[in-house]
Amino acid sequence: MLNKFLDVNPEVAKAVAEGKPVVALESTIISHGMPYPQNVETALKVEQIIRDNGAVPATIAIIGGRLKAGLTKEEIEYFGKKGQAITKASRRDLAVICAEGQDGATTVTTTMIIAHMAGIKFFATGGIGGVHRGAQQTFDISADLQELAHTPVMVCCAGAKAILDLALTLEYLETQGVPVLGYQTKELPAFYSRHSGLGVDYQMNTPEECAKVYKSNEDLGFHSGILLTNPIPEEFAMDDTIINNAIDEAIKEMDEKGIKGKACTPFLLAKVAALTGGDSLDSNIHLVFNNAQLMAKVACEYSKM
């Protein structure tokens, strides 16, 4: 039985029921990722890329306390205009938001939760959260990693966000039993950059291979997700020195201002975008396009199985 708080878009529900490919998308990137109207234009373009590659897009959000799997164009416009006035919702926020009839922008965690409720197995995003730098003292670890351990959705990203401690993020995922796949690479991509110097668990070379791994995970009865990392296209990748210097400066300012918790990531991404003259935002948009294209192809391959 579907959750009583869940509304599945009719097109999405039909596709899921018929075993057709569906790809989930998050809504934090709309409300907190960039200004209006660029956020709406980007969200609609990502949906179109998924359609162009043979799958049905399902942008996920919470509107008026209802968990939405598949937004209309008007709902995406509403989210874009309201922007950062919308609460960024992780797992801990869902009960309160539903109870009080509020709006919520879904993170990787909540997008996975709602996608799974709706029967959607594949999800494309920009980058996942992870272990923050200095977590040995702060214990600041994103809920995304726990969700990957417990929710059987394949998440395609360009690696964990480069503002994080990537080595500790990989260690945490290993401890939680989450396979980390690299698409046509043996190296973990670092979001804005194709290189981190860290290895992934397995290299996958085709969408069919990725789909087979998801199917095996499902057939084994595992309830964990799978992380598929997809390097940013070469032409949109940023110089490692430039982006790392910008991240270091942004983290220093964040610490000085005492910014903590879920405010960290939006602050850091906005600051890095400002320090790089908008180059990092452009890179961010193109890596999302790239991930949407790949995840649509994987979902199409899975639907043939």
Foldseek 3Di string as FASTA:
>chain_A
DFDPQEDEDPVLLVCLVLLFFEAEEFFLCQQQVDAPPVSLVLVVVLQVLLVVLRHGYFYWWAAQLHTYGRDDSVVSVVSNVCHPVAAADAPVCNVVCNVRRGIYTYALRVSLVNCVSSNHAEYEAAAHFAAAPPCVPVVDGDCNLVSLLAAAHEYEYQYHALLGDRVVRLVSNVVSVAAEEEAQDQARGHRLGGHDPHGGPYYDDALLSVLVVSVVCVVVVHRGYYYYHYHQPPVLHDDPVLLVVQSVVQVVVCVVVVDDDPVNPSSSQVSSCVSVVNSSSVSSSRRSSVRSNSRSNNSNSNSVD
